[in-house]
Amino acid sequence: MKNIFFIRLIVVFTIMLISFSCKVPQYAILSDNANNMIVIKAKDLIDKSTDSYSTHAMEIANLKVQVDSIVVEENNRKMNQATIAMWSIVQKDKFSLYGFFDLWQQQNTVSPAAVAEMNQKLLSILNIIQTWEQRKKGGPLFNK
């Protein structure tokens, strides 16, 4: 069931990227750097999710603040609907990063098998956002 959801999520991301690729969103190095830092921190926290949630609660709260601030910044940039929509999924979807953090908090720890599965799925979502931001350097997506 979760695998079907992630396949659908990837398809939605792809459709959003294609639909917004006709417009030329502006590349922002600060946004790109922030995205890179979030991917690194998210991976680190996912890897630590076999530990007690309370041990990393402050790190999780800080990461959420960073993601929320990116969404605010992205809202201020022109022609940036695709990026905003992708970050919104990261924040609001129960099978995405914030949902994973909620699960971790509810269960206090996450099994190593679940960590391995979620690591791959969550990072693929974040990597799509990261790739999209990187791609803005060269103009419209699928242009080359």
N, C-alpha and C. Protein backbone atom coordinates (compact mmCIF):
# COMPACT_ATOMS: atom_id res chain seq x y z
N MET A 1 0.82 -1.19 0.00
CA MET A 1 0.00 0.00 0.00
C MET A 1 0.87 1.26 0.00
N LYS A 2 1.88 1.26 0.88
CA LYS A 2 2.76 2.42 0.93
C LYS A 2 3.58 2.55 -0.34
N ASN A 3 3.95 1.41 -0.94
CA ASN A 3 4.72 1.46 -2.19
C ASN A 3 3.90 2.10 -3.30
N ILE A 4 2.63 1.79 -3.37
CA ILE A 4 1.75 2.40 -4.38
C ILE A 4 1.69 3.90 -4.15
N PHE A 5 1.59 4.30 -2.89
CA PHE A 5 1.54 5.72 -2.58
C PHE A 5 2.80 6.43 -3.07
N PHE A 6 3.97 5.84 -2.79
CA PHE A 6 5.21 6.48 -3.20
C PHE A 6 5.34 6.52 -4.71
N ILE A 7 4.88 5.52 -5.39
CA ILE A 7 4.90 5.54 -6.86
C ILE A 7 4.01 6.68 -7.36
N ARG A 8 2.84 6.81 -6.76
CA ARG A 8 1.94 7.91 -7.14
C ARG A 8 2.57 9.26 -6.83
N LEU A 9 3.23 9.35 -5.70
CA LEU A 9 3.88 10.60 -5.31
C LEU A 9 4.96 10.98 -6.31
N ILE A 10 5.76 10.03 -6.73
CA ILE A 10 6.80 10.30 -7.72
C ILE A 10 6.17 10.72 -9.04
N VAL A 11 5.08 10.09 -9.43
CA VAL A 11 4.38 10.46 -10.66
C VAL A 11 3.85 11.88 -10.55
N VAL A 12 3.28 12.24 -9.41
CA VAL A 12 2.78 13.60 -9.21
C VAL A 12 3.92 14.60 -9.32
N PHE A 13 5.05 14.31 -8.68
CA PHE A 13 6.21 15.19 -8.79
C PHE A 13 6.63 15.35 -10.24
N THR A 14 6.69 14.26 -10.96
CA THR A 14 7.11 14.31 -12.36
C THR A 14 6.14 15.14 -13.19
N ILE A 15 4.86 14.95 -12.99
CA ILE A 15 3.86 15.73 -13.73
C ILE A 15 3.99 17.21 -13.40
N MET A 16 4.20 17.51 -12.12
CA MET A 16 4.37 18.92 -11.74
C MET A 16 5.59 19.51 -12.41
N LEU A 17 6.67 18.76 -12.44
CA LEU A 17 7.89 19.27 -13.07
C LEU A 17 7.69 19.51 -14.56
N ILE A 18 7.01 18.60 -15.21
CA ILE A 18 6.76 18.75 -16.65
C ILE A 18 5.85 19.95 -16.89
N SER A 19 4.80 20.07 -16.09
CA SER A 19 3.85 21.16 -16.32
C SER A 19 4.45 22.53 -16.06
N PHE A 20 5.38 22.61 -15.13
CA PHE A 20 5.99 23.89 -14.83
C PHE A 20 7.29 24.13 -15.59
N SER A 21 7.71 23.17 -16.39
CA SER A 21 8.99 23.30 -17.07
C SER A 21 8.93 24.27 -18.23
N CYS A 22 7.76 24.61 -18.69
CA CYS A 22 7.64 25.56 -19.79
C CYS A 22 8.02 26.96 -19.34
N LYS A 23 7.81 27.27 -18.09
CA LYS A 23 8.20 28.57 -17.54
C LYS A 23 9.63 28.45 -17.06
N VAL A 24 10.32 29.56 -17.00
CA VAL A 24 11.70 29.53 -16.57
C VAL A 24 11.78 30.04 -15.14
N PRO A 25 11.75 29.12 -14.16
CA PRO A 25 11.91 29.56 -12.78
C PRO A 25 13.35 30.02 -12.55
N GLN A 26 13.50 30.94 -11.66
CA GLN A 26 14.81 31.50 -11.40
C GLN A 26 15.59 30.65 -10.40
N TYR A 27 16.83 30.42 -10.73
CA TYR A 27 17.72 29.69 -9.83
C TYR A 27 18.15 30.64 -8.72
N ALA A 28 18.19 30.13 -7.51
CA ALA A 28 18.66 30.91 -6.36
C ALA A 28 19.66 30.08 -5.59
N ILE A 29 20.88 30.56 -5.52
CA ILE A 29 21.93 29.79 -4.85
C ILE A 29 21.63 29.58 -3.38
N LEU A 30 21.01 30.56 -2.72
CA LEU A 30 20.67 30.39 -1.31
C LEU A 30 19.65 29.27 -1.13
N SER A 31 18.68 29.20 -2.02
CA SER A 31 17.69 28.14 -1.96
C SER A 31 18.34 26.78 -2.21
N ASP A 32 19.22 26.74 -3.19
CA ASP A 32 19.93 25.51 -3.51
C ASP A 32 20.76 25.04 -2.31
N ASN A 33 21.49 25.95 -1.69
CA ASN A 33 22.29 25.60 -0.52
C ASN A 33 21.41 25.13 0.63
N ALA A 34 20.29 25.80 0.85
CA ALA A 34 19.37 25.40 1.91
C ALA A 34 18.80 24.01 1.63
N ASN A 35 18.44 23.75 0.38
CA ASN A 35 17.94 22.42 0.01
C ASN A 35 18.98 21.35 0.30
N ASN A 36 20.22 21.61 -0.06
CA ASN A 36 21.29 20.65 0.17
C ASN A 36 21.46 20.37 1.66
N MET A 37 21.42 21.40 2.47
CA MET A 37 21.57 21.23 3.92
C MET A 37 20.40 20.43 4.50
N ILE A 38 19.20 20.67 4.00
CA ILE A 38 18.04 19.94 4.49
C ILE A 38 18.15 18.46 4.14
N VAL A 39 18.59 18.15 2.94
CA VAL A 39 18.76 16.75 2.54
C VAL A 39 19.78 16.07 3.46
N ILE A 40 20.88 16.74 3.72
CA ILE A 40 21.92 16.16 4.59
C ILE A 40 21.39 15.94 6.01
N LYS A 41 20.71 16.95 6.55
CA LYS A 41 20.19 16.85 7.91
C LYS A 41 19.07 15.81 8.01
N ALA A 42 18.21 15.76 6.99
CA ALA A 42 17.12 14.78 6.99
C ALA A 42 17.68 13.36 6.97
N LYS A 43 18.67 13.12 6.12
CA LYS A 43 19.28 11.79 6.07
C LYS A 43 19.89 11.43 7.41
N ASP A 44 20.58 12.37 8.02
CA ASP A 44 21.19 12.13 9.32
C ASP A 44 20.12 11.78 10.37
N LEU A 45 19.03 12.52 10.38
CA LEU A 45 17.97 12.24 11.35
C LEU A 45 17.26 10.92 11.08
N ILE A 46 17.03 10.61 9.82
CA ILE A 46 16.39 9.33 9.48
C ILE A 46 17.29 8.19 9.97
N ASP A 47 18.58 8.32 9.75
CA ASP A 47 19.53 7.30 10.21
C ASP A 47 19.52 7.15 11.73
N LYS A 48 19.23 8.23 12.43
CA LYS A 48 19.21 8.22 13.90
C LYS A 48 17.87 7.78 14.48
N SER A 49 16.91 7.49 13.64
CA SER A 49 15.56 7.23 14.14
C SER A 49 15.41 5.89 14.88
N THR A 50 16.47 5.10 14.92
CA THR A 50 16.44 3.91 15.78
C THR A 50 16.69 4.30 17.24
N ASP A 51 17.16 5.53 17.46
CA ASP A 51 17.33 6.08 18.81
C ASP A 51 15.98 6.59 19.31
N SER A 52 15.93 6.93 20.57
CA SER A 52 14.73 7.52 21.15
C SER A 52 14.45 8.88 20.51
N TYR A 53 13.18 9.14 20.22
CA TYR A 53 12.78 10.40 19.60
C TYR A 53 13.23 11.59 20.44
N SER A 54 13.06 11.48 21.75
CA SER A 54 13.37 12.62 22.62
C SER A 54 14.83 13.03 22.54
N THR A 55 15.70 12.10 22.21
CA THR A 55 17.12 12.40 22.07
C THR A 55 17.38 13.37 20.92
N HIS A 56 16.52 13.34 19.92
CA HIS A 56 16.73 14.15 18.71
C HIS A 56 15.59 15.14 18.46
N ALA A 57 14.73 15.34 19.44
CA ALA A 57 13.56 16.21 19.26
C ALA A 57 13.96 17.63 18.86
N MET A 58 15.02 18.15 19.46
CA MET A 58 15.45 19.52 19.14
C MET A 58 15.97 19.61 17.72
N GLU A 59 16.72 18.60 17.28
CA GLU A 59 17.22 18.59 15.90
C GLU A 59 16.07 18.53 14.90
N ILE A 60 15.05 17.73 15.23
CA ILE A 60 13.89 17.61 14.36
C ILE A 60 13.15 18.94 14.29
N ALA A 61 12.96 19.56 15.44
CA ALA A 61 12.28 20.86 15.48
C ALA A 61 13.05 21.89 14.66
N ASN A 62 14.36 21.89 14.77
CA ASN A 62 15.19 22.82 13.99
C ASN A 62 15.07 22.57 12.49
N LEU A 63 15.07 21.30 12.11
CA LEU A 63 14.93 20.97 10.69
C LEU A 63 13.57 21.42 10.16
N LYS A 64 12.53 21.20 10.95
CA LYS A 64 11.19 21.64 10.53
C LYS A 64 11.15 23.16 10.37
N VAL A 65 11.81 23.89 11.24
CA VAL A 65 11.86 25.35 11.12
C VAL A 65 12.56 25.73 9.83
N GLN A 66 13.64 25.03 9.49
CA GLN A 66 14.35 25.31 8.24
C GLN A 66 13.48 25.03 7.03
N VAL A 67 12.77 23.91 7.05
CA VAL A 67 11.87 23.58 5.92
C VAL A 67 10.77 24.63 5.81
N ASP A 68 10.18 24.98 6.94
CA ASP A 68 9.11 25.99 6.93
C ASP A 68 9.61 27.33 6.40
N SER A 69 10.83 27.70 6.77
CA SER A 69 11.37 28.97 6.28
C SER A 69 11.67 28.91 4.79
N ILE A 70 12.08 27.75 4.30
CA ILE A 70 12.30 27.60 2.85
C ILE A 70 10.98 27.80 2.11
N VAL A 71 9.91 27.23 2.64
CA VAL A 71 8.61 27.38 1.99
C VAL A 71 8.22 28.86 1.92
N VAL A 72 8.46 29.58 2.99
CA VAL A 72 8.16 31.02 2.99
C VAL A 72 9.00 31.74 1.94
N GLU A 73 10.29 31.43 1.90
CA GLU A 73 11.17 32.06 0.91
C GLU A 73 10.77 31.69 -0.51
N GLU A 74 10.42 30.43 -0.73
CA GLU A 74 10.03 29.99 -2.07
C GLU A 74 8.74 30.67 -2.51
N ASN A 75 7.85 30.95 -1.57
CA ASN A 75 6.62 31.66 -1.90
C ASN A 75 6.89 33.08 -2.38
N ASN A 76 8.01 33.65 -1.99
CA ASN A 76 8.36 35.01 -2.39
C ASN A 76 9.03 35.07 -3.76
N ARG A 77 9.44 33.93 -4.29
CA ARG A 77 10.07 33.90 -5.61
C ARG A 77 9.01 33.73 -6.69
N LYS A 78 9.27 34.31 -7.84
CA LYS A 78 8.32 34.23 -8.96
C LYS A 78 8.42 32.88 -9.66
N MET A 79 7.32 32.47 -10.27
CA MET A 79 7.25 31.24 -11.07
C MET A 79 7.84 30.04 -10.31
N ASN A 80 7.39 29.84 -9.11
CA ASN A 80 7.99 28.83 -8.25
C ASN A 80 6.96 27.86 -7.69
N GLN A 81 5.84 27.71 -8.37
CA GLN A 81 4.76 26.88 -7.88
C GLN A 81 5.15 25.42 -7.72
N ALA A 82 5.97 24.90 -8.60
CA ALA A 82 6.36 23.49 -8.52
C ALA A 82 7.17 23.23 -7.25
N THR A 83 8.11 24.09 -6.96
CA THR A 83 8.93 23.93 -5.76
C THR A 83 8.07 24.04 -4.51
N ILE A 84 7.19 25.00 -4.49
CA ILE A 84 6.29 25.19 -3.34
C ILE A 84 5.42 23.95 -3.14
N ALA A 85 4.89 23.41 -4.22
CA ALA A 85 4.04 22.22 -4.13
C ALA A 85 4.83 21.02 -3.60
N MET A 86 6.07 20.87 -4.04
CA MET A 86 6.88 19.74 -3.58
C MET A 86 7.20 19.87 -2.08
N TRP A 87 7.57 21.07 -1.65
CA TRP A 87 7.86 21.26 -0.23
C TRP A 87 6.59 21.09 0.61
N SER A 88 5.46 21.46 0.06
CA SER A 88 4.19 21.28 0.77
C SER A 88 3.92 19.80 1.04
N ILE A 89 4.25 18.97 0.08
CA ILE A 89 4.09 17.53 0.26
C ILE A 89 5.01 17.03 1.36
N VAL A 90 6.24 17.52 1.39
CA VAL A 90 7.19 17.14 2.44
C VAL A 90 6.62 17.50 3.82
N GLN A 91 5.94 18.64 3.90
CA GLN A 91 5.40 19.10 5.18
C GLN A 91 4.11 18.40 5.57
N LYS A 92 3.22 18.17 4.63
CA LYS A 92 1.85 17.80 4.98
C LYS A 92 1.48 16.35 4.75
N ASP A 93 2.23 15.65 3.94
CA ASP A 93 1.86 14.29 3.61
C ASP A 93 2.31 13.33 4.71
N LYS A 94 1.43 12.44 5.11
CA LYS A 94 1.77 11.56 6.23
C LYS A 94 2.83 10.52 5.87
N PHE A 95 3.10 10.29 4.60
CA PHE A 95 4.14 9.35 4.18
C PHE A 95 5.41 10.07 3.75
N SER A 96 5.52 11.34 4.09
CA SER A 96 6.71 12.09 3.74
C SER A 96 7.49 12.43 5.01
N LEU A 97 8.38 13.41 4.93
CA LEU A 97 9.33 13.67 6.02
C LEU A 97 8.64 14.01 7.34
N TYR A 98 7.73 14.96 7.33
CA TYR A 98 7.05 15.33 8.57
C TYR A 98 6.24 14.16 9.12
N GLY A 99 5.62 13.41 8.24
CA GLY A 99 4.87 12.23 8.66
C GLY A 99 5.78 11.19 9.29
N PHE A 100 6.99 11.05 8.74
CA PHE A 100 7.96 10.13 9.33
C PHE A 100 8.34 10.59 10.73
N PHE A 101 8.55 11.89 10.89
CA PHE A 101 8.88 12.41 12.21
C PHE A 101 7.75 12.18 13.21
N ASP A 102 6.51 12.34 12.74
CA ASP A 102 5.36 12.07 13.61
C ASP A 102 5.31 10.60 14.02
N LEU A 103 5.57 9.72 13.07
CA LEU A 103 5.61 8.28 13.37
C LEU A 103 6.71 7.97 14.39
N TRP A 104 7.86 8.55 14.18
CA TRP A 104 8.97 8.36 15.10
C TRP A 104 8.59 8.82 16.51
N GLN A 105 7.95 9.97 16.58
CA GLN A 105 7.54 10.49 17.88
C GLN A 105 6.52 9.57 18.55
N GLN A 106 5.57 9.07 17.79
CA GLN A 106 4.53 8.18 18.34
C GLN A 106 5.11 6.86 18.82
N GLN A 107 6.07 6.32 18.07
CA GLN A 107 6.63 5.01 18.41
C GLN A 107 7.88 5.09 19.27
N ASN A 108 8.43 6.27 19.42
CA ASN A 108 9.65 6.55 20.16
C ASN A 108 10.92 6.07 19.45
N THR A 109 10.88 4.93 18.78
CA THR A 109 12.00 4.47 17.95
C THR A 109 11.41 3.84 16.69
N VAL A 110 12.24 3.74 15.68
CA VAL A 110 11.83 3.13 14.42
C VAL A 110 12.76 1.94 14.18
N SER A 111 12.20 0.85 13.69
CA SER A 111 13.00 -0.35 13.45
C SER A 111 14.02 -0.10 12.34
N PRO A 112 15.15 -0.79 12.39
CA PRO A 112 16.16 -0.63 11.34
C PRO A 112 15.62 -0.93 9.93
N ALA A 113 14.73 -1.90 9.82
CA ALA A 113 14.15 -2.22 8.51
C ALA A 113 13.30 -1.05 8.00
N ALA A 114 12.53 -0.44 8.88
CA ALA A 114 11.71 0.70 8.49
C ALA A 114 12.60 1.90 8.14
N VAL A 115 13.67 2.07 8.88
CA VAL A 115 14.60 3.16 8.60
C VAL A 115 15.19 3.00 7.20
N ALA A 116 15.59 1.79 6.86
CA ALA A 116 16.17 1.54 5.54
C ALA A 116 15.16 1.85 4.44
N GLU A 117 13.93 1.40 4.62
CA GLU A 117 12.90 1.64 3.61
C GLU A 117 12.57 3.12 3.50
N MET A 118 12.36 3.77 4.64
CA MET A 118 11.98 5.17 4.63
C MET A 118 13.13 6.05 4.16
N ASN A 119 14.34 5.68 4.51
CA ASN A 119 15.50 6.44 4.07
C ASN A 119 15.50 6.57 2.56
N GLN A 120 15.31 5.46 1.89
CA GLN A 120 15.31 5.45 0.43
C GLN A 120 14.14 6.27 -0.12
N LYS A 121 12.96 6.08 0.41
CA LYS A 121 11.78 6.76 -0.12
C LYS A 121 11.78 8.26 0.17
N LEU A 122 12.08 8.61 1.40
CA LEU A 122 12.07 10.03 1.75
C LEU A 122 13.18 10.79 1.04
N LEU A 123 14.33 10.18 0.96
CA LEU A 123 15.43 10.86 0.28
C LEU A 123 15.19 10.99 -1.21
N SER A 124 14.46 10.05 -1.80
CA SER A 124 14.14 10.20 -3.22
C SER A 124 13.24 11.41 -3.44
N ILE A 125 12.32 11.66 -2.52
CA ILE A 125 11.46 12.84 -2.62
C ILE A 125 12.29 14.11 -2.48
N LEU A 126 13.14 14.16 -1.47
CA LEU A 126 13.98 15.34 -1.27
C LEU A 126 14.96 15.53 -2.42
N ASN A 127 15.44 14.45 -2.99
CA ASN A 127 16.36 14.56 -4.12
C ASN A 127 15.68 15.11 -5.37
N ILE A 128 14.40 14.84 -5.52
CA ILE A 128 13.66 15.43 -6.65
C ILE A 128 13.63 16.94 -6.51
N ILE A 129 13.39 17.42 -5.30
CA ILE A 129 13.38 18.86 -5.06
C ILE A 129 14.77 19.43 -5.33
N GLN A 130 15.77 18.76 -4.84
CA GLN A 130 17.16 19.20 -5.01
C GLN A 130 17.52 19.22 -6.50
N THR A 131 17.15 18.19 -7.23
CA THR A 131 17.44 18.13 -8.66
C THR A 131 16.71 19.24 -9.41
N TRP A 132 15.47 19.49 -9.02
CA TRP A 132 14.67 20.56 -9.65
C TRP A 132 15.37 21.91 -9.45
N GLU A 133 15.85 22.18 -8.27
CA GLU A 133 16.54 23.44 -8.01
C GLU A 133 17.83 23.52 -8.81
N GLN A 134 18.57 22.44 -8.86
CA GLN A 134 19.80 22.41 -9.65
C GLN A 134 19.51 22.63 -11.13
N ARG A 135 18.42 22.06 -11.59
CA ARG A 135 18.07 22.14 -13.01
C ARG A 135 17.72 23.55 -13.43
N LYS A 136 17.30 24.38 -12.48
CA LYS A 136 16.94 25.75 -12.81
C LYS A 136 18.14 26.53 -13.35
N LYS A 137 19.34 26.08 -13.03
CA LYS A 137 20.55 26.76 -13.55
C LYS A 137 20.58 26.74 -15.06
N GLY A 138 20.07 25.65 -15.65
CA GLY A 138 20.16 25.48 -17.09
C GLY A 138 18.90 25.84 -17.85
N GLY A 139 17.93 26.46 -17.22
CA GLY A 139 16.71 26.82 -17.91
C GLY A 139 15.63 25.78 -17.69
N PRO A 140 14.65 25.74 -18.59
CA PRO A 140 13.52 24.83 -18.41
C PRO A 140 13.93 23.37 -18.31
N LEU A 141 13.21 22.65 -17.49
CA LEU A 141 13.46 21.22 -17.34
C LEU A 141 13.22 20.52 -18.67
N PHE A 142 13.97 19.51 -18.95
CA PHE A 142 13.88 18.72 -20.18
C PHE A 142 14.23 19.53 -21.42
N ASN A 143 14.94 20.63 -21.25
CA ASN A 143 15.31 21.47 -22.37
C ASN A 143 16.55 20.96 -23.08
N LYS A 144 17.38 20.21 -22.37
CA LYS A 144 18.64 19.78 -22.97
C LYS A 144 18.60 18.33 -23.32
